Amino acid sequence: MVKATLSALANRLSLTSNDASLSLKDPQRLKTEILAGLTVALALVPEAVAFAFVAGVHPLVGLYAAFIVGLVTAVIGGRPGMISGATGALAVVMVALVAEHGVEYLFATVVLMGVLQLGAGIFKLGKFIRLVPTPVMLGFVNGLAIVIFMAQLGQFKVPGSEHASGGHGMAGGEWLSGMPLMLMLGLTALTMLVIWGLPKLTKAIPAPLAGIAITAAIVIGFGLDAPRVGDLASIQGGLPTFHIPMVPLDFETLKIIFPYAVILAAIGLIESLLTLNLVGELTGKRGGASQECVAQGAANVITGFFGGMGGCAMIGQSMINVQSGARTRLAAIMAALFLLSFILFASPLIEQIPLAALTGVMFMVVIGTFAWNSFRIMLKIPRSDALVIILVTVVTVQYDLAVAVVAGVIVSALVYAWRSAKRLHISAHDSHTVPGAKTYELDGPLFFASTDNFSELFDIENDPDVVIVDFKRSRVVDQSALQAIEDLALKYESKGKELRLRHLSRDCHQLLTKAGQLMIDSDDDPDYQVAADYSVRTGAFGGGH
């Protein structure tokens, strides 16, 4: 049993990967994964502290969340290479809850958020992420890149002058000026230059880590007066301890935390699943959506009981990890362990790292994340798709990711419905099987958007006594279609004429039979070998009302 358990864990960590290039028995692969994890951990520190300030909680609450969420999702998540932790998208929702009810209610909300995400994973709701179309994905990527960029602008303000806000770094605080601003810009540019140029010389060390190390060495070695991590807050602390949220276990508490938990769970899953798809594109991996939901849920339940603010996938840190060469779960696990070691042992050293170095890393992430080809293809794709890209980008920046994705999917669905509605065509001819009857052949789906057009395609006054509607190249989709068929039958009935339906596919036949609109209940000809005509029974939907 123990051997089987260890074997399963080894497979989970990709220790026995079938891909030889990803085997952790290879010293080069092992070094790449560990260094990538160290780079990510360094970038996680200011982000976690900043998001804790946004949520209105102690910095350690953000750091503990980054460690626990990062570790759990690294071990059982749906995609090797992904990084999770405390995020700004969740923090801007939490701030109102913390301000009104206190941090203990936040911990209880995070636990309930995790339970909801576990439910989404157990019931395999993660598969619905496939409903997100490509224009929405492009808008998501561009919007997140802009948000990451704007969040870094807070580092160009006087430390301690910026207060918690949802302005992505643009709101509040006093901007640096003069020599401090020039020094910050110069160090940031130096870090970006190292990250851009080093891979052209060697790939032995992840470029972002080298950029941080070189810039930090210059600042510390020459004693430059540049803002450092310690200027944000002290990151020193102990191990997170088990803590049951101190809130009343009653219905009133549930009424307070449930709306926040639903919003946080939705935002967390949407951002995580979209990041999963993005990382999958870069690493050539597929699947794992439901597994990622379970991992996020388990991580947040545990985090809520250990004094963390909860979290989800982080696109910026995930990009740093993947671009540093990480391809297995080890890098994300090491990032979480490095972060914990910073909190326990290395806080004085980490607090000396200049913010400019970390800002330069994130700026390079922005450049690598933004879908620059979206400008090139904008004039080549349908205008509706271009509009969706712009809409999702703007809403992501202005509001949050969940609202942007939902808005983009709704607009895309409406555009698809409109296009499908315009595809409904009809051709009429005398029936070859029923003497004196007229046949209308439909081409295109019959659903809510095409029903008005459907009702206008028939010449009720001049049609013969028997009219056949042929659905060989059409489908009856929803209640609006059923209602339209009944309304049409009523109009013919009022003129003393009969409406028949032909060539119903099996799903259409079942739908009409369930609605009680077919006069006889027998199998249709799904292979269209024998034409069976069905009379329509009216009254199932209230006679046209």
Protein backbone atom coordinates (compact mmCIF):
# COMPACT_ATOMS: atom_id res chain seq x y z
CA MET A 1 0.00 0.00 0.00
CA VAL A 2 2.79 2.42 0.94
CA LYS A 3 4.68 1.57 -2.26
CA ALA A 4 1.58 2.19 -4.36
CA THR A 5 0.98 5.52 -2.64
CA LEU A 6 4.56 6.66 -3.21
CA SER A 7 4.35 5.55 -6.84
CA ALA A 8 1.17 7.56 -7.33
CA LEU A 9 2.80 10.62 -5.75
CA ALA A 10 5.85 10.19 -7.96
CA ASN A 11 3.64 10.14 -11.04
CA ARG A 12 1.81 13.22 -9.78
CA LEU A 13 5.11 15.07 -9.50
CA SER A 14 6.16 13.86 -12.95
CA LEU A 15 9.06 11.94 -11.36
CA THR A 16 8.38 9.06 -13.73
CA SER A 17 7.27 11.02 -16.79
CA ASN A 18 7.14 9.08 -20.03
CA ASP A 19 8.62 12.17 -21.68
CA ALA A 20 12.36 11.79 -21.13
CA SER A 21 12.90 15.54 -21.52
CA LEU A 22 10.69 16.14 -18.45
CA SER A 23 12.22 13.50 -16.19
CA LEU A 24 13.41 14.95 -12.89
CA LYS A 25 16.18 12.36 -12.89
CA ASP A 26 17.89 14.66 -15.39
CA PRO A 27 20.05 17.15 -13.40
CA GLN A 28 19.47 19.89 -15.98
CA ARG A 29 15.69 19.50 -15.76
CA LEU A 30 15.86 19.44 -11.97
CA LYS A 31 17.91 22.65 -11.90
CA THR A 32 15.54 24.37 -14.32
CA GLU A 33 12.51 23.50 -12.21
CA ILE A 34 14.09 24.63 -8.93
CA LEU A 35 15.39 27.92 -10.33
CA ALA A 36 12.04 28.63 -11.97
CA GLY A 37 10.37 28.03 -8.61
CA LEU A 38 12.78 30.46 -6.91
CA THR A 39 12.06 33.12 -9.53
CA VAL A 40 8.31 32.74 -9.07
CA ALA A 41 8.63 32.88 -5.27
CA LEU A 42 10.51 36.17 -5.45
CA ALA A 43 7.82 37.63 -7.69
CA LEU A 44 5.05 36.32 -5.40
CA VAL A 45 6.20 38.30 -2.35
CA PRO A 46 5.30 41.88 -3.38
CA GLU A 47 2.18 40.69 -5.17
CA ALA A 48 0.85 38.87 -2.07
CA VAL A 49 1.67 41.83 0.17
CA ALA A 50 0.05 44.32 -2.20
CA PHE A 51 -3.13 42.24 -2.58
CA ALA A 52 -3.35 41.88 1.21
CA PHE A 53 -3.29 45.67 1.46
CA VAL A 54 -6.02 45.87 -1.19
CA ALA A 55 -8.20 43.45 0.81
CA GLY A 56 -7.52 45.33 4.03
CA VAL A 57 -5.78 42.47 5.88
CA HIS A 58 -2.30 41.87 7.36
CA PRO A 59 0.41 41.07 4.77
CA LEU A 60 0.97 37.63 6.31
CA VAL A 61 -2.66 36.75 5.47
CA GLY A 62 -1.78 37.24 1.80
CA LEU A 63 1.55 35.43 2.09
CA TYR A 64 0.00 32.43 3.84
CA ALA A 65 -2.63 32.24 1.11
CA ALA A 66 0.06 32.34 -1.60
CA PHE A 67 1.95 29.49 0.13
CA ILE A 68 -1.01 27.19 0.88
CA VAL A 69 -2.99 27.74 -2.33
CA GLY A 70 0.21 27.49 -4.36
CA LEU A 71 1.30 24.25 -2.70
CA VAL A 72 -2.04 22.43 -2.85
CA THR A 73 -2.78 23.34 -6.47
CA ALA A 74 0.79 22.47 -7.46
CA VAL A 75 0.35 18.92 -6.13
CA ILE A 76 -3.20 18.10 -7.30
CA GLY A 77 -4.00 20.79 -9.91
CA GLY A 78 -5.05 20.18 -13.47
CA ARG A 79 -2.00 21.57 -15.24
CA PRO A 80 1.73 21.32 -14.40
CA GLY A 81 3.33 24.73 -14.73
CA MET A 82 0.43 26.75 -13.29
CA ILE A 83 0.99 29.00 -10.29
CA SER A 84 -1.79 29.93 -7.87
CA GLY A 85 -1.91 32.34 -4.95
CA ALA A 86 -3.53 35.49 -3.61
CA THR A 87 -4.81 37.61 -6.51
CA GLY A 88 -6.07 41.13 -7.05
CA ALA A 89 -9.24 39.92 -8.77
CA LEU A 90 -10.34 38.34 -5.48
CA ALA A 91 -8.91 41.04 -3.23
CA VAL A 92 -11.08 43.82 -4.69
CA VAL A 93 -14.19 41.78 -3.79
CA MET A 94 -12.94 40.95 -0.29
CA VAL A 95 -12.26 44.53 0.80
CA ALA A 96 -15.95 45.37 1.39
CA LEU A 97 -16.49 42.21 3.46
CA VAL A 98 -13.42 42.84 5.62
CA ALA A 99 -14.29 46.51 6.13
CA GLU A 100 -17.85 45.76 7.24
CA HIS A 101 -17.56 42.46 9.12
CA GLY A 102 -13.87 41.82 9.87
CA VAL A 103 -11.23 39.31 8.87
CA GLU A 104 -12.84 36.30 10.61
CA TYR A 105 -15.80 36.54 8.23
CA LEU A 106 -13.29 36.59 5.38
CA PHE A 107 -11.82 33.27 6.54
CA ALA A 108 -15.31 31.74 6.76
CA THR A 109 -16.11 33.04 3.29
CA VAL A 110 -12.91 31.53 1.87
CA VAL A 111 -13.87 28.13 3.32
CA LEU A 112 -17.36 28.32 1.76
CA MET A 113 -15.81 29.53 -1.50
CA GLY A 114 -13.64 26.41 -1.52
CA VAL A 115 -16.64 24.16 -0.85
CA LEU A 116 -18.47 25.67 -3.84
CA GLN A 117 -15.42 25.16 -6.05
CA LEU A 118 -15.12 21.56 -4.87
CA GLY A 119 -18.75 21.05 -5.89
CA ALA A 120 -18.01 22.51 -9.33
CA GLY A 121 -15.16 20.04 -9.72
CA ILE A 122 -17.08 17.02 -8.44
CA PHE A 123 -19.98 17.73 -10.81
CA LYS A 124 -17.47 18.40 -13.64
CA LEU A 125 -18.67 21.93 -14.34
CA GLY A 126 -15.17 22.90 -15.45
CA LYS A 127 -15.94 21.49 -18.91
CA PHE A 128 -18.16 24.51 -19.57
CA ILE A 129 -15.04 26.62 -20.00
CA ARG A 130 -15.07 25.28 -23.56
CA LEU A 131 -18.02 27.64 -24.17
CA VAL A 132 -15.58 30.56 -24.00
CA PRO A 133 -14.82 31.48 -27.63
CA THR A 134 -11.46 32.57 -28.99
CA PRO A 135 -12.29 36.33 -29.12
CA VAL A 136 -13.14 36.21 -25.41
CA MET A 137 -9.84 34.44 -24.70
CA LEU A 138 -7.93 37.11 -26.64
CA GLY A 139 -9.77 39.85 -24.76
CA PHE A 140 -9.04 38.08 -21.45
CA VAL A 141 -5.33 37.83 -22.21
CA ASN A 142 -5.08 41.46 -23.32
CA GLY A 143 -7.15 42.73 -20.39
CA LEU A 144 -5.09 40.77 -17.86
CA ALA A 145 -1.87 42.05 -19.40
CA ILE A 146 -3.09 45.64 -19.02
CA VAL A 147 -4.22 44.98 -15.44
CA ILE A 148 -0.81 43.49 -14.56
CA PHE A 149 0.87 46.55 -16.12
CA MET A 150 -1.32 48.99 -14.22
CA ALA A 151 -0.78 47.11 -10.96
CA GLN A 152 2.97 47.65 -11.31
CA LEU A 153 2.52 51.41 -11.56
CA GLY A 154 1.98 51.43 -7.81
CA GLN A 155 5.70 50.70 -7.44
CA PHE A 156 6.42 54.12 -8.94
CA LYS A 157 4.80 55.82 -5.96
CA VAL A 158 6.28 56.89 -2.66
CA PRO A 159 6.22 53.82 -0.34
CA GLY A 160 3.46 54.07 2.24
CA SER A 161 1.54 56.81 0.42
CA GLU A 162 -0.71 54.47 -1.58
CA HIS A 163 -3.86 53.17 0.06
CA ALA A 164 -5.98 50.15 -0.78
CA SER A 165 -8.14 50.68 -3.82
CA GLY A 166 -9.39 48.86 -6.85
CA GLY A 167 -7.62 51.17 -9.24
CA HIS A 168 -4.98 48.68 -10.44
CA GLY A 169 -2.21 50.97 -9.14
CA MET A 170 -3.50 54.14 -10.78
CA ALA A 171 -5.54 55.49 -7.87
CA GLY A 172 -4.18 57.11 -4.70
CA GLY A 173 -0.64 57.73 -3.56
CA GLU A 174 2.12 60.20 -4.38
CA TRP A 175 4.17 59.59 -7.53
CA LEU A 176 7.96 59.48 -7.35
CA SER A 177 9.73 62.42 -8.98
CA GLY A 178 13.20 63.66 -9.78
CA MET A 179 16.16 61.38 -9.11
CA PRO A 180 14.14 58.63 -7.28
CA LEU A 181 11.89 58.31 -10.33
CA MET A 182 14.85 58.23 -12.73
CA LEU A 183 16.56 55.60 -10.58
CA MET A 184 13.41 53.46 -10.48
CA LEU A 185 12.99 53.70 -14.25
CA GLY A 186 16.66 52.92 -14.87
CA LEU A 187 16.70 49.84 -12.64
CA THR A 188 13.46 48.58 -14.14
CA ALA A 189 14.88 49.03 -17.65
CA LEU A 190 18.10 47.24 -16.62
CA THR A 191 16.12 44.24 -15.36
CA MET A 192 14.12 44.11 -18.58
CA LEU A 193 17.31 44.33 -20.65
CA VAL A 194 18.87 41.40 -18.77
CA ILE A 195 15.71 39.30 -19.22
CA TRP A 196 15.65 40.11 -22.94
CA GLY A 197 19.36 39.64 -23.62
CA LEU A 198 20.49 36.79 -21.38
CA PRO A 199 18.68 33.98 -23.28
CA LYS A 200 20.66 34.97 -26.38
CA LEU A 201 23.87 34.15 -24.45
CA THR A 202 22.90 31.27 -22.17
CA LYS A 203 19.87 29.45 -20.86
CA ALA A 204 21.63 27.94 -17.87
CA ILE A 205 19.84 30.34 -15.50
CA PRO A 206 16.25 31.61 -15.87
CA ALA A 207 16.49 35.13 -17.26
CA PRO A 208 14.01 36.65 -14.75
CA LEU A 209 16.06 35.28 -11.82
CA ALA A 210 19.24 36.67 -13.32
CA GLY A 211 17.58 40.05 -13.84
CA ILE A 212 16.49 40.18 -10.19
CA ALA A 213 19.92 39.08 -8.95
CA ILE A 214 21.91 41.56 -11.05
CA THR A 215 19.70 44.52 -10.23
CA ALA A 216 19.62 43.62 -6.52
CA ALA A 217 23.45 43.27 -6.47
CA ILE A 218 23.85 46.74 -7.99
CA VAL A 219 21.41 48.36 -5.56
CA ILE A 220 22.82 46.67 -2.47
CA GLY A 221 26.46 46.88 -3.58
CA PHE A 222 26.35 50.60 -4.34
CA GLY A 223 23.91 51.41 -1.53
CA LEU A 224 21.41 53.02 -3.91
CA ASP A 225 18.36 54.62 -2.29
CA ALA A 226 15.73 52.67 -4.21
CA PRO A 227 12.39 51.32 -2.87
CA ARG A 228 12.71 47.76 -1.63
CA VAL A 229 10.36 44.95 -0.64
CA GLY A 230 10.80 45.81 3.04
CA ASP A 231 9.39 49.28 2.37
CA LEU A 232 6.01 47.65 1.67
CA ALA A 233 5.86 45.62 4.89
CA SER A 234 7.79 43.08 6.91
CA ILE A 235 7.28 39.55 5.62
CA GLN A 236 8.69 37.85 8.72
CA GLY A 237 6.38 35.38 10.44
CA GLY A 238 5.92 31.83 11.68
CA LEU A 239 4.23 28.74 10.31
CA PRO A 240 0.51 29.14 9.56
CA THR A 241 -1.55 27.55 12.34
CA PHE A 242 -4.93 25.84 12.23
CA HIS A 243 -7.67 28.30 13.07
CA ILE A 244 -11.43 27.84 12.96
CA PRO A 245 -13.05 31.12 11.83
CA MET A 246 -14.51 32.85 14.88
CA VAL A 247 -17.98 33.55 13.51
CA PRO A 248 -21.42 32.51 14.76
CA LEU A 249 -22.54 29.28 13.10
CA ASP A 250 -26.04 30.46 12.22
CA PHE A 251 -28.19 31.48 9.28
CA GLU A 252 -27.32 35.18 9.68
CA THR A 253 -23.65 34.40 9.10
CA LEU A 254 -24.54 32.36 6.02
CA LYS A 255 -26.58 35.28 4.66
CA ILE A 256 -23.53 37.52 5.02
CA ILE A 257 -20.86 35.25 3.56
CA PHE A 258 -22.77 33.29 0.90
CA PRO A 259 -23.07 36.10 -1.73
CA TYR A 260 -19.37 36.89 -1.38
CA ALA A 261 -18.47 33.19 -1.54
CA VAL A 262 -20.42 32.70 -4.78
CA ILE A 263 -18.77 35.72 -6.43
CA LEU A 264 -15.30 34.73 -5.25
CA ALA A 265 -15.77 31.10 -6.33
CA ALA A 266 -16.93 32.19 -9.79
CA ILE A 267 -14.08 34.68 -10.28
CA GLY A 268 -11.52 32.19 -8.98
CA LEU A 269 -12.69 29.37 -11.24
CA ILE A 270 -13.02 31.53 -14.35
CA GLU A 271 -9.54 33.01 -13.93
CA SER A 272 -8.05 29.61 -13.08
CA LEU A 273 -9.67 27.77 -15.99
CA LEU A 274 -8.75 30.47 -18.51
CA THR A 275 -5.19 30.46 -17.20
CA LEU A 276 -5.23 26.66 -17.47
CA ASN A 277 -6.14 26.97 -21.16
CA LEU A 278 -3.45 29.60 -21.73
CA VAL A 279 -0.74 27.51 -20.06
CA GLY A 280 -2.01 24.51 -22.02
CA GLU A 281 -1.45 26.40 -25.27
CA LEU A 282 2.14 27.17 -24.25
CA THR A 283 2.99 23.68 -22.99
CA GLY A 284 0.94 21.62 -25.44
CA LYS A 285 -1.21 20.02 -22.72
CA ARG A 286 -4.99 19.55 -22.67
CA GLY A 287 -7.72 18.62 -20.19
CA GLY A 288 -7.74 18.87 -16.42
CA ALA A 289 -10.51 21.49 -16.01
CA SER A 290 -12.54 19.57 -13.43
CA GLN A 291 -9.37 18.49 -11.63
CA GLU A 292 -8.34 22.14 -11.42
CA CYS A 293 -11.72 23.04 -9.89
CA VAL A 294 -11.21 20.38 -7.21
CA ALA A 295 -7.66 21.60 -6.55
CA GLN A 296 -8.73 25.23 -6.22
CA GLY A 297 -11.59 24.24 -3.92
CA ALA A 298 -9.42 22.07 -1.68
CA ALA A 299 -6.75 24.79 -1.52
CA ASN A 300 -9.22 27.46 -0.46
CA VAL A 301 -10.90 25.27 2.18
CA ILE A 302 -7.49 24.57 3.72
CA THR A 303 -6.42 28.21 3.38
CA GLY A 304 -9.54 29.45 5.18
CA PHE A 305 -8.73 27.21 8.16
CA PHE A 306 -5.10 28.40 8.27
CA GLY A 307 -5.62 32.16 8.23
CA GLY A 308 -5.19 32.85 4.51
CA MET A 309 -7.19 35.14 2.25
CA GLY A 310 -7.80 32.53 -0.45
CA GLY A 311 -6.65 32.64 -4.03
CA CYS A 312 -6.75 31.30 -7.56
CA ALA A 313 -4.46 30.90 -10.57
CA MET A 314 -2.11 33.79 -11.28
CA ILE A 315 -1.52 34.43 -14.96
CA GLY A 316 1.54 36.63 -14.40
CA GLN A 317 3.40 34.17 -12.19
CA SER A 318 2.30 31.26 -14.39
CA MET A 319 3.84 33.01 -17.37
CA ILE A 320 7.07 33.63 -15.44
CA ASN A 321 7.17 29.95 -14.52
CA VAL A 322 6.56 28.64 -18.03
CA GLN A 323 8.88 31.17 -19.66
CA SER A 324 11.60 30.16 -17.19
CA GLY A 325 11.40 26.63 -18.62
CA ALA A 326 9.29 24.89 -15.96
CA ARG A 327 7.14 22.03 -17.25
CA THR A 328 6.50 19.82 -14.20
CA ARG A 329 4.78 20.26 -10.85
CA LEU A 330 8.12 20.56 -9.02
CA ALA A 331 8.61 24.24 -9.94
CA ALA A 332 5.27 25.30 -8.43
CA ILE A 333 5.91 23.16 -5.33
CA MET A 334 9.35 24.72 -4.90
CA ALA A 335 7.88 28.21 -5.37
CA ALA A 336 5.52 27.59 -2.44
CA LEU A 337 8.29 26.11 -0.28
CA PHE A 338 10.69 28.95 -1.12
CA LEU A 339 7.98 31.45 -0.17
CA LEU A 340 7.50 29.74 3.19
CA SER A 341 11.26 29.74 3.77
CA PHE A 342 11.31 33.49 3.04
CA ILE A 343 8.67 34.03 5.72
CA LEU A 344 10.42 31.83 8.29
CA PHE A 345 14.14 32.38 7.71
CA ALA A 346 15.08 34.79 4.92
CA SER A 347 12.85 37.81 5.43
CA PRO A 348 15.75 40.27 6.11
CA LEU A 349 17.42 39.24 2.84
CA ILE A 350 14.24 39.21 0.71
CA GLU A 351 13.21 42.60 2.08
CA GLN A 352 16.39 44.07 0.51
CA ILE A 353 15.35 43.16 -3.05
CA PRO A 354 14.56 46.35 -5.00
CA LEU A 355 10.99 46.69 -6.21
CA ALA A 356 12.34 47.87 -9.56
CA ALA A 357 13.73 44.38 -10.25
CA LEU A 358 10.38 42.71 -9.62
CA THR A 359 8.59 45.43 -11.60
CA GLY A 360 10.89 44.80 -14.56
CA VAL A 361 10.07 41.09 -14.43
CA MET A 362 6.34 41.82 -14.44
CA PHE A 363 6.69 44.31 -17.32
CA MET A 364 8.35 41.58 -19.38
CA VAL A 365 5.45 39.29 -18.44
CA VAL A 366 3.07 41.94 -19.75
CA ILE A 367 4.95 42.12 -23.06
CA GLY A 368 4.91 38.33 -23.36
CA THR A 369 1.28 37.95 -22.31
CA PHE A 370 -0.40 40.58 -24.47
CA ALA A 371 -1.71 39.10 -27.73
CA TRP A 372 -0.02 41.57 -30.08
CA ASN A 373 -1.29 39.65 -33.11
CA SER A 374 -4.83 40.74 -32.16
CA PHE A 375 -4.00 44.12 -33.76
CA ARG A 376 -2.96 42.39 -36.97
CA ILE A 377 -6.02 40.16 -37.23
CA MET A 378 -8.54 42.79 -36.14
CA LEU A 379 -9.31 43.81 -39.74
CA LYS A 380 -9.37 40.21 -40.98
CA ILE A 381 -11.93 38.73 -38.58
CA PRO A 382 -15.68 39.50 -38.44
CA ARG A 383 -16.45 42.87 -36.89
CA SER A 384 -18.52 41.21 -34.17
CA ASP A 385 -15.48 39.17 -33.05
CA ALA A 386 -13.32 42.30 -33.05
CA LEU A 387 -15.95 44.01 -30.91
CA VAL A 388 -15.92 41.10 -28.43
CA ILE A 389 -12.11 41.30 -28.12
CA ILE A 390 -12.29 45.03 -27.36
CA LEU A 391 -15.29 44.62 -25.03
CA VAL A 392 -13.70 41.89 -22.90
CA THR A 393 -10.40 43.80 -22.71
CA VAL A 394 -12.09 47.03 -21.56
CA VAL A 395 -14.43 45.34 -19.06
CA THR A 396 -11.54 43.31 -17.58
CA VAL A 397 -9.60 46.51 -16.95
CA GLN A 398 -12.59 48.55 -15.77
CA TYR A 399 -14.38 45.94 -13.63
CA ASP A 400 -13.13 42.38 -13.23
CA LEU A 401 -12.47 39.19 -15.13
CA ALA A 402 -15.71 37.38 -14.26
CA VAL A 403 -17.92 40.21 -15.53
CA ALA A 404 -15.78 40.54 -18.66
CA VAL A 405 -15.92 36.84 -19.55
CA VAL A 406 -19.66 36.57 -18.90
CA ALA A 407 -20.28 39.70 -20.99
CA GLY A 408 -18.09 38.37 -23.79
CA VAL A 409 -19.79 34.96 -23.85
CA ILE A 410 -23.26 36.57 -23.84
CA VAL A 411 -22.39 38.91 -26.71
CA SER A 412 -20.79 36.04 -28.67
CA ALA A 413 -23.87 33.89 -28.09
CA LEU A 414 -26.20 36.67 -29.24
CA VAL A 415 -24.10 37.22 -32.35
CA TYR A 416 -24.21 33.49 -33.09
CA ALA A 417 -27.98 33.43 -32.55
CA TRP A 418 -28.45 36.36 -34.92
CA ARG A 419 -26.29 34.75 -37.59
CA SER A 420 -28.10 31.41 -37.21
CA ALA A 421 -31.47 33.14 -37.41
CA LYS A 422 -30.52 34.67 -40.76
CA ARG A 423 -29.59 31.19 -42.05
CA LEU A 424 -33.22 29.98 -42.03
CA HIS A 425 -34.42 29.68 -45.63
CA ILE A 426 -37.34 27.94 -47.27
CA SER A 427 -38.21 26.52 -50.66
CA ALA A 428 -41.73 25.51 -51.73
CA HIS A 429 -42.96 23.03 -54.35
CA ASP A 430 -45.85 20.70 -55.01
CA SER A 431 -45.72 17.48 -53.01
CA HIS A 432 -44.51 14.38 -54.84
CA THR A 433 -46.12 11.98 -52.36
CA VAL A 434 -49.44 13.62 -51.40
CA PRO A 435 -51.54 14.67 -54.40
CA GLY A 436 -52.66 18.30 -54.22
CA ALA A 437 -50.44 19.09 -51.21
CA LYS A 438 -47.69 21.69 -51.00
CA THR A 439 -44.29 21.05 -49.41
CA TYR A 440 -42.14 23.67 -47.68
CA GLU A 441 -38.51 22.56 -47.20
CA LEU A 442 -36.78 24.36 -44.32
CA ASP A 443 -33.03 24.97 -44.33
CA GLY A 444 -31.54 26.14 -41.03
CA PRO A 445 -32.31 25.80 -37.29
CA LEU A 446 -35.71 26.77 -35.89
CA PHE A 447 -35.22 28.43 -32.49
CA PHE A 448 -36.10 31.62 -30.61
CA ALA A 449 -34.21 33.97 -32.91
CA SER A 450 -35.58 32.55 -36.17
CA THR A 451 -39.26 32.05 -35.27
CA ASP A 452 -40.40 35.47 -36.54
CA ASN A 453 -38.76 34.84 -39.88
CA PHE A 454 -40.27 31.32 -39.92
CA SER A 455 -43.85 32.53 -39.57
CA GLU A 456 -43.43 34.95 -42.47
CA LEU A 457 -42.31 32.28 -44.96
CA PHE A 458 -45.74 30.67 -45.49
CA ASP A 459 -48.54 31.74 -47.84
CA ILE A 460 -51.43 30.62 -45.64
CA GLU A 461 -54.18 32.29 -47.68
CA ASN A 462 -53.24 30.68 -51.00
CA ASP A 463 -51.86 27.33 -49.83
CA PRO A 464 -53.83 24.12 -50.57
CA ASP A 465 -55.76 22.13 -47.95
CA VAL A 466 -52.72 20.04 -46.99
CA VAL A 467 -49.34 21.66 -46.27
CA ILE A 468 -46.21 19.66 -45.44
CA VAL A 469 -43.20 21.20 -43.65
CA ASP A 470 -40.05 19.19 -44.38
CA PHE A 471 -37.40 19.33 -41.60
CA LYS A 472 -34.78 17.26 -43.44
CA ARG A 473 -32.28 20.16 -43.31
CA SER A 474 -33.65 21.81 -40.17
CA ARG A 475 -33.95 21.20 -36.44
CA VAL A 476 -36.55 22.10 -33.82
CA VAL A 477 -34.45 23.47 -30.96
CA ASP A 478 -36.45 25.07 -28.15
CA GLN A 479 -39.86 26.08 -26.76
CA SER A 480 -40.00 29.13 -29.03
CA ALA A 481 -39.80 26.75 -32.01
CA LEU A 482 -42.55 24.54 -30.56
CA GLN A 483 -44.72 27.61 -30.01
CA ALA A 484 -44.07 28.80 -33.57
CA ILE A 485 -45.14 25.40 -34.98
CA GLU A 486 -48.33 25.46 -32.94
CA ASP A 487 -49.12 29.04 -33.96
CA LEU A 488 -48.61 28.12 -37.61
CA ALA A 489 -50.83 25.04 -37.24
CA LEU A 490 -53.56 27.18 -35.62
CA LYS A 491 -53.47 29.63 -38.53
CA TYR A 492 -53.90 26.81 -41.04
CA GLU A 493 -56.56 25.21 -38.84
CA SER A 494 -58.54 28.45 -38.77
CA LYS A 495 -58.61 28.33 -42.59
CA GLY A 496 -59.77 24.69 -42.59
CA LYS A 497 -56.37 23.42 -43.69
CA GLU A 498 -54.03 20.75 -42.29
CA LEU A 499 -50.35 21.17 -41.39
CA ARG A 500 -48.08 18.12 -41.43
CA LEU A 501 -44.43 17.68 -40.39
CA ARG A 502 -42.01 15.45 -42.27
CA HIS A 503 -38.47 14.15 -41.88
CA LEU A 504 -38.18 14.80 -38.17
CA SER A 505 -34.84 13.68 -36.78
CA ARG A 506 -34.96 11.51 -33.69
CA ASP A 507 -34.24 14.38 -31.28
CA CYS A 508 -36.86 16.61 -32.93
CA HIS A 509 -39.40 13.76 -32.82
CA GLN A 510 -38.79 13.22 -29.11
CA LEU A 511 -39.10 16.94 -28.40
CA LEU A 512 -42.40 17.28 -30.26
CA THR A 513 -43.77 14.06 -28.74
CA LYS A 514 -42.91 15.24 -25.22
CA ALA A 515 -44.63 18.55 -25.94
CA GLY A 516 -47.75 16.65 -27.07
CA GLN A 517 -47.77 18.18 -30.54
CA LEU A 518 -47.66 14.98 -32.65
CA MET A 519 -50.96 13.22 -33.41
CA ILE A 520 -49.26 9.79 -33.39
CA ASP A 521 -46.33 8.53 -31.32
CA SER A 522 -44.05 6.39 -33.45
CA ASP A 523 -40.45 6.45 -34.56
CA ASP A 524 -39.70 8.79 -37.42
CA ASP A 525 -37.31 8.08 -40.23
CA PRO A 526 -34.04 9.42 -38.82
CA ASP A 527 -32.16 8.06 -41.84
CA TYR A 528 -34.69 9.68 -44.20
CA GLN A 529 -35.38 6.39 -45.99
CA VAL A 530 -39.17 6.41 -45.58
CA ALA A 531 -41.07 9.69 -45.34
CA ALA A 532 -43.57 9.71 -42.47
CA ASP A 533 -45.91 12.69 -42.15
CA TYR A 534 -47.13 13.82 -38.71
CA SER A 535 -50.19 15.93 -38.08
CA VAL A 536 -49.91 18.66 -35.45
CA ARG A 537 -52.03 18.65 -32.29
CA THR A 538 -52.74 22.25 -31.23
CA GLY A 539 -53.38 23.58 -27.75
CA ALA A 540 -50.23 22.30 -26.03
CA PHE A 541 -48.98 25.86 -25.47
CA GLY A 542 -52.21 27.71 -24.92
CA GLY A 543 -53.37 28.35 -28.45
CA GLY A 544 -50.84 30.95 -29.49
CA HIS A 545 -50.75 32.99 -26.26
